[in-house]
Amino acid sequence: MMSLKQPTRECDDINCPFHGTLSVRGRMMNGIVVTDRMQKSVVVSIEYVRYFPKYERYARMNSRITAHNPPCIDAKRGDKVKIAECRPLSKTKSFVVVEKEE
């Protein structure tokens, strides 16, 4: 993987990119965990800037992305995380948390 810190804890999750068989490819993004109330899932808020040519202005926007949260990483609400794209894990989950940033 691309210069990611290995988690200190071990887990037996098959959908863990470090200890399971899940491969990551595609986009990697940074965001903040908004909700962690699901089992092994989190909602990550991604902020970005969009340009509107009609008004010649930039607007700050955000997206909420559902991501798989492996037990070895165990991200909580308010944590800054890095998520990576993977194969679809469910109807809405196509990303996995790969790193917690301090």
PDB file of N, CA and C in Angstrom:
ATOM      1  N   MET A   1       0.831  -1.194   0.000  1.00  0.00           N
ATOM      2  CA  MET A   1       0.000   0.000   0.000  1.00  0.00           C
ATOM      3  C   MET A   1       0.870   1.250   0.000  1.00  0.00           C
ATOM      4  N   MET A   2       0.246   2.381  -0.276  1.00  0.00           N
ATOM      5  CA  MET A   2       0.971   3.624  -0.491  1.00  0.00           C
ATOM      6  C   MET A   2       1.280   4.330   0.819  1.00  0.00           C
ATOM      7  N   SER A   3       2.418   4.034   1.429  1.00  0.00           N
ATOM      8  CA  SER A   3       2.937   4.689   2.626  1.00  0.00           C
ATOM      9  C   SER A   3       1.880   4.899   3.715  1.00  0.00           C
ATOM     10  N   LEU A   4       1.221   3.826   4.089  1.00  0.00           N
ATOM     11  CA  LEU A   4       0.233   3.882   5.171  1.00  0.00           C
ATOM     12  C   LEU A   4       0.831   3.279   6.430  1.00  0.00           C
ATOM     13  N   LYS A   5       0.406   3.826   7.581  1.00  0.00           N
ATOM     14  CA  LYS A   5       0.849   3.271   8.845  1.00  0.00           C
ATOM     15  C   LYS A   5       0.076   1.987   9.130  1.00  0.00           C
ATOM     16  N   GLN A   6       0.787   0.935   9.505  1.00  0.00           N
ATOM     17  CA  GLN A   6       0.140  -0.310   9.879  1.00  0.00           C
ATOM     18  C   GLN A   6      -0.539  -0.128  11.232  1.00  0.00           C
ATOM     19  N   PRO A   7      -1.764  -0.645  11.409  1.00  0.00           N
ATOM     20  CA  PRO A   7      -2.409  -0.540  12.728  1.00  0.00           C
ATOM     21  C   PRO A   7      -1.671  -1.391  13.761  1.00  0.00           C
ATOM     22  N   THR A   8      -1.706  -0.927  15.004  1.00  0.00           N
ATOM     23  CA  THR A   8      -0.995  -1.631  16.062  1.00  0.00           C
ATOM     24  C   THR A   8      -1.746  -2.874  16.525  1.00  0.00           C
ATOM     25  N   ARG A   9      -3.073  -2.870  16.399  1.00  0.00           N
ATOM     26  CA  ARG A   9      -3.886  -4.008  16.840  1.00  0.00           C
ATOM     27  C   ARG A   9      -4.094  -4.987  15.699  1.00  0.00           C
ATOM     28  N   GLU A  10      -4.338  -6.246  16.040  1.00  0.00           N
ATOM     29  CA  GLU A  10      -4.676  -7.285  15.070  1.00  0.00           C
ATOM     30  C   GLU A  10      -6.186  -7.455  15.031  1.00  0.00           C
ATOM     31  N   CYS A  11      -6.709  -7.895  13.884  1.00  0.00           N
ATOM     32  CA  CYS A  11      -8.141  -8.190  13.792  1.00  0.00           C
ATOM     33  C   CYS A  11      -8.341  -9.394  12.880  1.00  0.00           C
ATOM     34  N   ASP A  12      -9.522  -9.991  12.953  1.00  0.00           N
ATOM     35  CA  ASP A  12      -9.827 -11.151  12.109  1.00  0.00           C
ATOM     36  C   ASP A  12     -10.935 -10.829  11.110  1.00  0.00           C
ATOM     37  N   ASP A  13     -11.048  -9.544  10.743  1.00  0.00           N
ATOM     38  CA  ASP A  13     -12.055  -9.102   9.782  1.00  0.00           C
ATOM     39  C   ASP A  13     -11.595  -9.450   8.373  1.00  0.00           C
ATOM     40  N   ILE A  14     -12.430 -10.145   7.611  1.00  0.00           N
ATOM     41  CA  ILE A  14     -12.072 -10.531   6.244  1.00  0.00           C
ATOM     42  C   ILE A  14     -12.034  -9.318   5.318  1.00  0.00           C
ATOM     43  N   ASN A  15     -12.760  -8.246   5.672  1.00  0.00           N
ATOM     44  CA  ASN A  15     -12.782  -7.025   4.867  1.00  0.00           C
ATOM     45  C   ASN A  15     -11.798  -5.968   5.379  1.00  0.00           C
ATOM     46  N   CYS A  16     -10.727  -6.396   6.018  1.00  0.00           N
ATOM     47  CA  CYS A  16      -9.674  -5.484   6.472  1.00  0.00           C
ATOM     48  C   CYS A  16      -8.566  -5.477   5.418  1.00  0.00           C
ATOM     49  N   PRO A  17      -8.127  -4.297   4.970  1.00  0.00           N
ATOM     50  CA  PRO A  17      -7.061  -4.277   3.965  1.00  0.00           C
ATOM     51  C   PRO A  17      -5.696  -4.724   4.496  1.00  0.00           C
ATOM     52  N   PHE A  18      -5.507  -4.756   5.826  1.00  0.00           N
ATOM     53  CA  PHE A  18      -4.235  -5.153   6.415  1.00  0.00           C
ATOM     54  C   PHE A  18      -4.219  -6.615   6.830  1.00  0.00           C
ATOM     55  N   HIS A  19      -5.299  -7.108   7.451  1.00  0.00           N
ATOM     56  CA  HIS A  19      -5.325  -8.468   7.989  1.00  0.00           C
ATOM     57  C   HIS A  19      -6.289  -9.389   7.247  1.00  0.00           C
ATOM     58  N   GLY A  20      -7.030  -8.866   6.279  1.00  0.00           N
ATOM     59  CA  GLY A  20      -7.974  -9.672   5.517  1.00  0.00           C
ATOM     60  C   GLY A  20      -7.557  -9.759   4.061  1.00  0.00           C
ATOM     61  N   THR A  21      -8.551  -9.964   3.194  1.00  0.00           N
ATOM     62  CA  THR A  21      -8.261 -10.157   1.772  1.00  0.00           C
ATOM     63  C   THR A  21      -8.747  -8.997   0.911  1.00  0.00           C
ATOM     64  N   LEU A  22      -9.180  -7.897   1.516  1.00  0.00           N
ATOM     65  CA  LEU A  22      -9.719  -6.770   0.759  1.00  0.00           C
ATOM     66  C   LEU A  22      -8.585  -5.973   0.116  1.00  0.00           C
ATOM     67  N   SER A  23      -8.683  -5.769  -1.205  1.00  0.00           N
ATOM     68  CA  SER A  23      -7.677  -4.952  -1.890  1.00  0.00           C
ATOM     69  C   SER A  23      -8.247  -3.566  -2.133  1.00  0.00           C
ATOM     70  N   VAL A  24      -7.406  -2.558  -1.999  1.00  0.00           N
ATOM     71  CA  VAL A  24      -7.829  -1.180  -2.226  1.00  0.00           C
ATOM     72  C   VAL A  24      -7.227  -0.702  -3.532  1.00  0.00           C
ATOM     73  N   ARG A  25      -7.996   0.113  -4.265  1.00  0.00           N
ATOM     74  CA  ARG A  25      -7.544   0.700  -5.514  1.00  0.00           C
ATOM     75  C   ARG A  25      -8.371   1.930  -5.764  1.00  0.00           C
ATOM     76  N   GLY A  26      -7.877   2.822  -6.589  1.00  0.00           N
ATOM     77  CA  GLY A  26      -8.657   4.010  -6.918  1.00  0.00           C
ATOM     78  C   GLY A  26      -8.332   5.183  -6.017  1.00  0.00           C
ATOM     79  N   ARG A  27      -9.378   5.914  -5.634  1.00  0.00           N
ATOM     80  CA  ARG A  27      -9.192   7.181  -4.926  1.00  0.00           C
ATOM     81  C   ARG A  27      -8.904   6.986  -3.447  1.00  0.00           C
ATOM     82  N   MET A  28      -8.097   7.919  -2.897  1.00  0.00           N
ATOM     83  CA  MET A  28      -7.879   8.019  -1.455  1.00  0.00           C
ATOM     84  C   MET A  28      -8.236   9.439  -1.047  1.00  0.00           C
ATOM     85  N   MET A  29      -8.971   9.570   0.070  1.00  0.00           N
ATOM     86  CA  MET A  29      -9.427  10.883   0.511  1.00  0.00           C
ATOM     87  C   MET A  29      -9.259  11.018   2.012  1.00  0.00           C
ATOM     88  N   ASN A  30      -9.153  12.260   2.462  1.00  0.00           N
ATOM     89  CA  ASN A  30      -9.097  12.576   3.886  1.00  0.00           C
ATOM     90  C   ASN A  30     -10.423  13.183   4.300  1.00  0.00           C
ATOM     91  N   GLY A  31     -10.863  12.876   5.518  1.00  0.00           N
ATOM     92  CA  GLY A  31     -12.115  13.432   6.009  1.00  0.00           C
ATOM     93  C   GLY A  31     -12.237  13.273   7.506  1.00  0.00           C
ATOM     94  N   ILE A  32     -13.390  13.662   8.019  1.00  0.00           N
ATOM     95  CA  ILE A  32     -13.669  13.601   9.458  1.00  0.00           C
ATOM     96  C   ILE A  32     -14.866  12.682   9.678  1.00  0.00           C
ATOM     97  N   VAL A  33     -14.761  11.796  10.662  1.00  0.00           N
ATOM     98  CA  VAL A  33     -15.853  10.876  10.971  1.00  0.00           C
ATOM     99  C   VAL A  33     -16.996  11.654  11.606  1.00  0.00           C
ATOM    100  N   VAL A  34     -18.183  11.544  11.006  1.00  0.00           N
ATOM    101  CA  VAL A  34     -19.368  12.252  11.486  1.00  0.00           C
ATOM    102  C   VAL A  34     -20.205  11.340  12.362  1.00  0.00           C
ATOM    103  N   THR A  35     -20.345  10.069  11.964  1.00  0.00           N
ATOM    104  CA  THR A  35     -21.177   9.114  12.689  1.00  0.00           C
ATOM    105  C   THR A  35     -20.449   7.783  12.784  1.00  0.00           C
ATOM    106  N   ASP A  36     -20.470   7.176  13.980  1.00  0.00           N
ATOM    107  CA  ASP A  36     -19.871   5.847  14.154  1.00  0.00           C
ATOM    108  C   ASP A  36     -20.833   4.885  14.846  1.00  0.00           C
ATOM    109  N   ARG A  37     -22.125   5.094  14.655  1.00  0.00           N
ATOM    110  CA  ARG A  37     -23.114   4.311  15.396  1.00  0.00           C
ATOM    111  C   ARG A  37     -23.445   2.978  14.747  1.00  0.00           C
ATOM    112  N   MET A  38     -22.967   2.740  13.523  1.00  0.00           N
ATOM    113  CA  MET A  38     -23.206   1.461  12.859  1.00  0.00           C
ATOM    114  C   MET A  38     -22.141   0.454  13.266  1.00  0.00           C
ATOM    115  N   GLN A  39     -22.422  -0.822  13.058  1.00  0.00           N
ATOM    116  CA  GLN A  39     -21.428  -1.853  13.346  1.00  0.00           C
ATOM    117  C   GLN A  39     -20.453  -1.926  12.184  1.00  0.00           C
ATOM    118  N   LYS A  40     -19.162  -1.720  12.462  1.00  0.00           N
ATOM    119  CA  LYS A  40     -18.086  -1.792  11.473  1.00  0.00           C
ATOM    120  C   LYS A  40     -18.272  -0.825  10.312  1.00  0.00           C
ATOM    121  N   SER A  41     -18.976   0.283  10.502  1.00  0.00           N
ATOM    122  CA  SER A  41     -19.146   1.297   9.461  1.00  0.00           C
ATOM    123  C   SER A  41     -19.093   2.683  10.083  1.00  0.00           C
ATOM    124  N   VAL A  42     -18.637   3.651   9.304  1.00  0.00           N
ATOM    125  CA  VAL A  42     -18.625   5.053   9.722  1.00  0.00           C
ATOM    126  C   VAL A  42     -19.062   5.911   8.549  1.00  0.00           C
ATOM    127  N   VAL A  43     -19.546   7.110   8.850  1.00  0.00           N
ATOM    128  CA  VAL A  43     -19.856   8.093   7.820  1.00  0.00           C
ATOM    129  C   VAL A  43     -18.786   9.166   7.905  1.00  0.00           C
ATOM    130  N   VAL A  44     -18.107   9.412   6.776  1.00  0.00           N
ATOM    131  CA  VAL A  44     -17.001  10.350   6.718  1.00  0.00           C
ATOM    132  C   VAL A  44     -17.419  11.555   5.895  1.00  0.00           C
ATOM    133  N   SER A  45     -17.183  12.759   6.426  1.00  0.00           N
ATOM    134  CA  SER A  45     -17.490  13.996   5.717  1.00  0.00           C
ATOM    135  C   SER A  45     -16.240  14.469   4.989  1.00  0.00           C
ATOM    136  N   ILE A  46     -16.374  14.669   3.674  1.00  0.00           N
ATOM    137  CA  ILE A  46     -15.270  15.113   2.829  1.00  0.00           C
ATOM    138  C   ILE A  46     -15.572  16.535   2.381  1.00  0.00           C
ATOM    139  N   GLU A  47     -14.681  17.485   2.670  1.00  0.00           N
ATOM    140  CA  GLU A  47     -14.858  18.872   2.221  1.00  0.00           C
ATOM    141  C   GLU A  47     -14.087  19.098   0.943  1.00  0.00           C
ATOM    142  N   TYR A  48     -14.712  19.834  -0.002  1.00  0.00           N
ATOM    143  CA  TYR A  48     -14.035  20.173  -1.250  1.00  0.00           C
ATOM    144  C   TYR A  48     -14.543  21.520  -1.733  1.00  0.00           C
ATOM    145  N   VAL A  49     -13.859  22.068  -2.743  1.00  0.00           N
ATOM    146  CA  VAL A  49     -14.207  23.377  -3.291  1.00  0.00           C
ATOM    147  C   VAL A  49     -14.679  23.174  -4.726  1.00  0.00           C
ATOM    148  N   ARG A  50     -15.793  23.816  -5.089  1.00  0.00           N
ATOM    149  CA  ARG A  50     -16.347  23.709  -6.438  1.00  0.00           C
ATOM    150  C   ARG A  50     -16.445  25.099  -7.046  1.00  0.00           C
ATOM    151  N   TYR A  51     -16.129  25.186  -8.329  1.00  0.00           N
ATOM    152  CA  TYR A  51     -16.171  26.458  -9.042  1.00  0.00           C
ATOM    153  C   TYR A  51     -17.472  26.566  -9.824  1.00  0.00           C
ATOM    154  N   PHE A  52     -18.160  27.733  -9.716  1.00  0.00           N
ATOM    155  CA  PHE A  52     -19.374  28.009 -10.475  1.00  0.00           C
ATOM    156  C   PHE A  52     -19.053  29.075 -11.519  1.00  0.00           C
ATOM    157  N   PRO A  53     -18.961  28.697 -12.808  1.00  0.00           N
ATOM    158  CA  PRO A  53     -18.563  29.658 -13.839  1.00  0.00           C
ATOM    159  C   PRO A  53     -19.541  30.818 -14.000  1.00  0.00           C
ATOM    160  N   LYS A  54     -20.818  30.575 -13.796  1.00  0.00           N
ATOM    161  CA  LYS A  54     -21.816  31.637 -13.976  1.00  0.00           C
ATOM    162  C   LYS A  54     -21.541  32.809 -13.039  1.00  0.00           C
ATOM    163  N   TYR A  55     -21.199  32.499 -11.800  1.00  0.00           N
ATOM    164  CA  TYR A  55     -20.974  33.550 -10.802  1.00  0.00           C
ATOM    165  C   TYR A  55     -19.493  33.873 -10.615  1.00  0.00           C
ATOM    166  N   GLU A  56     -18.613  33.125 -11.297  1.00  0.00           N
ATOM    167  CA  GLU A  56     -17.169  33.284 -11.165  1.00  0.00           C
ATOM    168  C   GLU A  56     -16.733  33.244  -9.704  1.00  0.00           C
ATOM    169  N   ARG A  57     -17.262  32.280  -8.978  1.00  0.00           N
ATOM    170  CA  ARG A  57     -16.985  32.126  -7.552  1.00  0.00           C
ATOM    171  C   ARG A  57     -16.720  30.648  -7.232  1.00  0.00           C
ATOM    172  N   TYR A  58     -16.062  30.458  -6.117  1.00  0.00           N
ATOM    173  CA  TYR A  58     -15.861  29.123  -5.571  1.00  0.00           C
ATOM    174  C   TYR A  58     -16.789  28.936  -4.382  1.00  0.00           C
ATOM    175  N   ALA A  59     -17.280  27.721  -4.220  1.00  0.00           N
ATOM    176  CA  ALA A  59     -18.123  27.410  -3.066  1.00  0.00           C
ATOM    177  C   ALA A  59     -17.544  26.205  -2.338  1.00  0.00           C
ATOM    178  N   ARG A  60     -17.527  26.264  -1.025  1.00  0.00           N
ATOM    179  CA  ARG A  60     -17.085  25.134  -0.216  1.00  0.00           C
ATOM    180  C   ARG A  60     -18.258  24.183  -0.032  1.00  0.00           C
ATOM    181  N   MET A  61     -18.052  22.922  -0.355  1.00  0.00           N
ATOM    182  CA  MET A  61     -19.118  21.928  -0.257  1.00  0.00           C
ATOM    183  C   MET A  61     -18.589  20.717   0.506  1.00  0.00           C
ATOM    184  N   ASN A  62     -19.495  19.810   0.883  1.00  0.00           N
ATOM    185  CA  ASN A  62     -19.056  18.573   1.520  1.00  0.00           C
ATOM    186  C   ASN A  62     -19.926  17.408   1.090  1.00  0.00           C
ATOM    187  N   SER A  63     -19.334  16.209   1.142  1.00  0.00           N
ATOM    188  CA  SER A  63     -20.014  14.957   0.821  1.00  0.00           C
ATOM    189  C   SER A  63     -19.913  14.048   2.032  1.00  0.00           C
ATOM    190  N   ARG A  64     -20.920  13.211   2.196  1.00  0.00           N
ATOM    191  CA  ARG A  64     -20.899  12.217   3.263  1.00  0.00           C
ATOM    192  C   ARG A  64     -20.738  10.848   2.615  1.00  0.00           C
ATOM    193  N   ILE A  65     -19.666  10.152   2.961  1.00  0.00           N
ATOM    194  CA  ILE A  65     -19.351   8.863   2.363  1.00  0.00           C
ATOM    195  C   ILE A  65     -19.370   7.794   3.451  1.00  0.00           C
ATOM    196  N   THR A  66     -20.081   6.702   3.187  1.00  0.00           N
ATOM    197  CA  THR A  66     -20.117   5.578   4.108  1.00  0.00           C
ATOM    198  C   THR A  66     -18.895   4.703   3.852  1.00  0.00           C
ATOM    199  N   ALA A  67     -18.175   4.361   4.905  1.00  0.00           N
ATOM    200  CA  ALA A  67     -16.943   3.576   4.767  1.00  0.00           C
ATOM    201  C   ALA A  67     -16.923   2.453   5.791  1.00  0.00           C
ATOM    202  N   HIS A  68     -16.248   1.354   5.429  1.00  0.00           N
ATOM    203  CA  HIS A  68     -16.068   0.224   6.334  1.00  0.00           C
ATOM    204  C   HIS A  68     -15.006   0.589   7.368  1.00  0.00           C
ATOM    205  N   ASN A  69     -15.255   0.251   8.622  1.00  0.00           N
ATOM    206  CA  ASN A  69     -14.356   0.589   9.729  1.00  0.00           C
ATOM    207  C   ASN A  69     -13.848  -0.711  10.356  1.00  0.00           C
ATOM    208  N   PRO A  70     -12.645  -1.189   9.979  1.00  0.00           N
ATOM    209  CA  PRO A  70     -12.139  -2.444  10.545  1.00  0.00           C
ATOM    210  C   PRO A  70     -11.891  -2.326  12.051  1.00  0.00           C
ATOM    211  N   PRO A  71     -12.043  -3.430  12.791  1.00  0.00           N
ATOM    212  CA  PRO A  71     -11.840  -3.388  14.248  1.00  0.00           C
ATOM    213  C   PRO A  71     -10.426  -2.976  14.658  1.00  0.00           C
ATOM    214  N   CYS A  72      -9.422  -3.222  13.809  1.00  0.00           N
ATOM    215  CA  CYS A  72      -8.049  -2.865  14.184  1.00  0.00           C
ATOM    216  C   CYS A  72      -7.816  -1.352  14.128  1.00  0.00           C
ATOM    217  N   ILE A  73      -8.609  -0.631  13.348  1.00  0.00           N
ATOM    218  CA  ILE A  73      -8.477   0.828  13.276  1.00  0.00           C
ATOM    219  C   ILE A  73      -9.460   1.491  14.235  1.00  0.00           C
ATOM    220  N   ASP A  74     -10.716   1.072  14.215  1.00  0.00           N
ATOM    221  CA  ASP A  74     -11.743   1.504  15.167  1.00  0.00           C
ATOM    222  C   ASP A  74     -11.821   3.025  15.294  1.00  0.00           C
ATOM    223  N   ALA A  75     -12.175   3.700  14.191  1.00  0.00           N
ATOM    224  CA  ALA A  75     -12.307   5.161  14.181  1.00  0.00           C
ATOM    225  C   ALA A  75     -13.572   5.580  14.921  1.00  0.00           C
ATOM    226  N   LYS A  76     -13.466   6.652  15.684  1.00  0.00           N
ATOM    227  CA  LYS A  76     -14.599   7.184  16.449  1.00  0.00           C
ATOM    228  C   LYS A  76     -15.016   8.535  15.888  1.00  0.00           C
ATOM    229  N   ARG A  77     -16.141   9.047  16.367  1.00  0.00           N
ATOM    230  CA  ARG A  77     -16.671  10.335  15.919  1.00  0.00           C
ATOM    231  C   ARG A  77     -15.673  11.454  16.219  1.00  0.00           C
ATOM    232  N   GLY A  78     -15.406  12.292  15.216  1.00  0.00           N
ATOM    233  CA  GLY A  78     -14.480  13.396  15.374  1.00  0.00           C
ATOM    234  C   GLY A  78     -13.064  13.090  14.936  1.00  0.00           C
ATOM    235  N   ASP A  79     -12.744  11.830  14.643  1.00  0.00           N
ATOM    236  CA  ASP A  79     -11.395  11.470  14.203  1.00  0.00           C
ATOM    237  C   ASP A  79     -11.162  11.902  12.760  1.00  0.00           C
ATOM    238  N   LYS A  80      -9.937  12.340  12.475  1.00  0.00           N
ATOM    239  CA  LYS A  80      -9.534  12.584  11.091  1.00  0.00           C
ATOM    240  C   LYS A  80      -9.024  11.265  10.534  1.00  0.00           C
ATOM    241  N   VAL A  81      -9.576  10.842   9.390  1.00  0.00           N
ATOM    242  CA  VAL A  81      -9.229   9.538   8.825  1.00  0.00           C
ATOM    243  C   VAL A  81      -8.880   9.666   7.360  1.00  0.00           C
ATOM    244  N   LYS A  82      -8.205   8.637   6.857  1.00  0.00           N
ATOM    245  CA  LYS A  82      -7.930   8.507   5.436  1.00  0.00           C
ATOM    246  C   LYS A  82      -8.717   7.292   4.954  1.00  0.00           C
ATOM    247  N   ILE A  83      -9.517   7.458   3.888  1.00  0.00           N
ATOM    248  CA  ILE A  83     -10.303   6.352   3.348  1.00  0.00           C
ATOM    249  C   ILE A  83      -9.821   6.041   1.942  1.00  0.00           C
ATOM    250  N   ALA A  84      -9.933   4.777   1.561  1.00  0.00           N
ATOM    251  CA  ALA A  84      -9.494   4.324   0.243  1.00  0.00           C
ATOM    252  C   ALA A  84     -10.636   3.569  -0.423  1.00  0.00           C
ATOM    253  N   GLU A  85     -10.685   3.653  -1.737  1.00  0.00           N
ATOM    254  CA  GLU A  85     -11.724   2.985  -2.507  1.00  0.00           C
ATOM    255  C   GLU A  85     -11.427   1.493  -2.598  1.00  0.00           C
ATOM    256  N   CYS A  86     -12.478   0.695  -2.563  1.00  0.00           N
ATOM    257  CA  CYS A  86     -12.339  -0.751  -2.684  1.00  0.00           C
ATOM    258  C   CYS A  86     -13.547  -1.274  -3.474  1.00  0.00           C
ATOM    259  N   ARG A  87     -13.664  -2.583  -3.554  1.00  0.00           N
ATOM    260  CA  ARG A  87     -14.841  -3.139  -4.227  1.00  0.00           C
ATOM    261  C   ARG A  87     -16.089  -2.832  -3.403  1.00  0.00           C
ATOM    262  N   PRO A  88     -17.288  -2.858  -4.011  1.00  0.00           N
ATOM    263  CA  PRO A  88     -18.502  -2.598  -3.229  1.00  0.00           C
ATOM    264  C   PRO A  88     -18.697  -3.649  -2.139  1.00  0.00           C
ATOM    265  N   LEU A  89     -18.836  -3.181  -0.884  1.00  0.00           N
ATOM    266  CA  LEU A  89     -19.048  -4.075   0.247  1.00  0.00           C
ATOM    267  C   LEU A  89     -20.529  -4.212   0.577  1.00  0.00           C
ATOM    268  N   SER A  90     -21.319  -3.216   0.206  1.00  0.00           N
ATOM    269  CA  SER A  90     -22.769  -3.260   0.397  1.00  0.00           C
ATOM    270  C   SER A  90     -23.377  -2.272  -0.590  1.00  0.00           C
ATOM    271  N   LYS A  91     -24.643  -1.963  -0.406  1.00  0.00           N
ATOM    272  CA  LYS A  91     -25.318  -1.046  -1.325  1.00  0.00           C
ATOM    273  C   LYS A  91     -24.670   0.330  -1.333  1.00  0.00           C
ATOM    274  N   THR A  92     -24.218   0.814  -0.177  1.00  0.00           N
ATOM    275  CA  THR A  92     -23.677   2.173  -0.094  1.00  0.00           C
ATOM    276  C   THR A  92     -22.188   2.226   0.233  1.00  0.00           C
ATOM    277  N   LYS A  93     -21.552   1.090   0.593  1.00  0.00           N
ATOM    278  CA  LYS A  93     -20.157   1.101   1.036  1.00  0.00           C
ATOM    279  C   LYS A  93     -19.220   0.641  -0.066  1.00  0.00           C
ATOM    280  N   SER A  94     -18.371   1.569  -0.541  1.00  0.00           N
ATOM    281  CA  SER A  94     -17.315   1.229  -1.488  1.00  0.00           C
ATOM    282  C   SER A  94     -15.975   1.807  -1.040  1.00  0.00           C
ATOM    283  N   PHE A  95     -15.889   2.193   0.211  1.00  0.00           N
ATOM    284  CA  PHE A  95     -14.654   2.742   0.771  1.00  0.00           C
ATOM    285  C   PHE A  95     -14.349   2.043   2.085  1.00  0.00           C
ATOM    286  N   VAL A  96     -13.078   2.059   2.477  1.00  0.00           N
ATOM    287  CA  VAL A  96     -12.644   1.462   3.736  1.00  0.00           C
ATOM    288  C   VAL A  96     -11.683   2.433   4.420  1.00  0.00           C
ATOM    289  N   VAL A  97     -11.771   2.521   5.753  1.00  0.00           N
ATOM    290  CA  VAL A  97     -10.862   3.368   6.531  1.00  0.00           C
ATOM    291  C   VAL A  97      -9.515   2.651   6.589  1.00  0.00           C
ATOM    292  N   VAL A  98      -8.449   3.346   6.144  1.00  0.00           N
ATOM    293  CA  VAL A  98      -7.131   2.712   6.135  1.00  0.00           C
ATOM    294  C   VAL A  98      -6.173   3.342   7.145  1.00  0.00           C
ATOM    295  N   GLU A  99      -6.505   4.528   7.670  1.00  0.00           N
ATOM    296  CA  GLU A  99      -5.579   5.172   8.595  1.00  0.00           C
ATOM    297  C   GLU A  99      -6.305   6.212   9.432  1.00  0.00           C
ATOM    298  N   LYS A 100      -5.925   6.268  10.727  1.00  0.00           N
ATOM    299  CA  LYS A 100      -6.394   7.334  11.606  1.00  0.00           C
ATOM    300  C   LYS A 100      -5.279   8.347  11.717  1.00  0.00           C
ATOM    301  N   GLU A 101      -5.573   9.639  11.471  1.00  0.00           N
ATOM    302  CA  GLU A 101      -4.552  10.667  11.528  1.00  0.00           C
ATOM    303  C   GLU A 101      -4.709  11.466  12.814  1.00  0.00           C
ATOM    304  N   GLU A 102      -3.579  11.803  13.433  1.00  0.00           N
ATOM    305  CA  GLU A 102      -3.631  12.575  14.679  1.00  0.00           C
ATOM    306  C   GLU A 102      -3.462  14.050  14.407  1.00  0.00           C
TER     307      GLU A 102
END
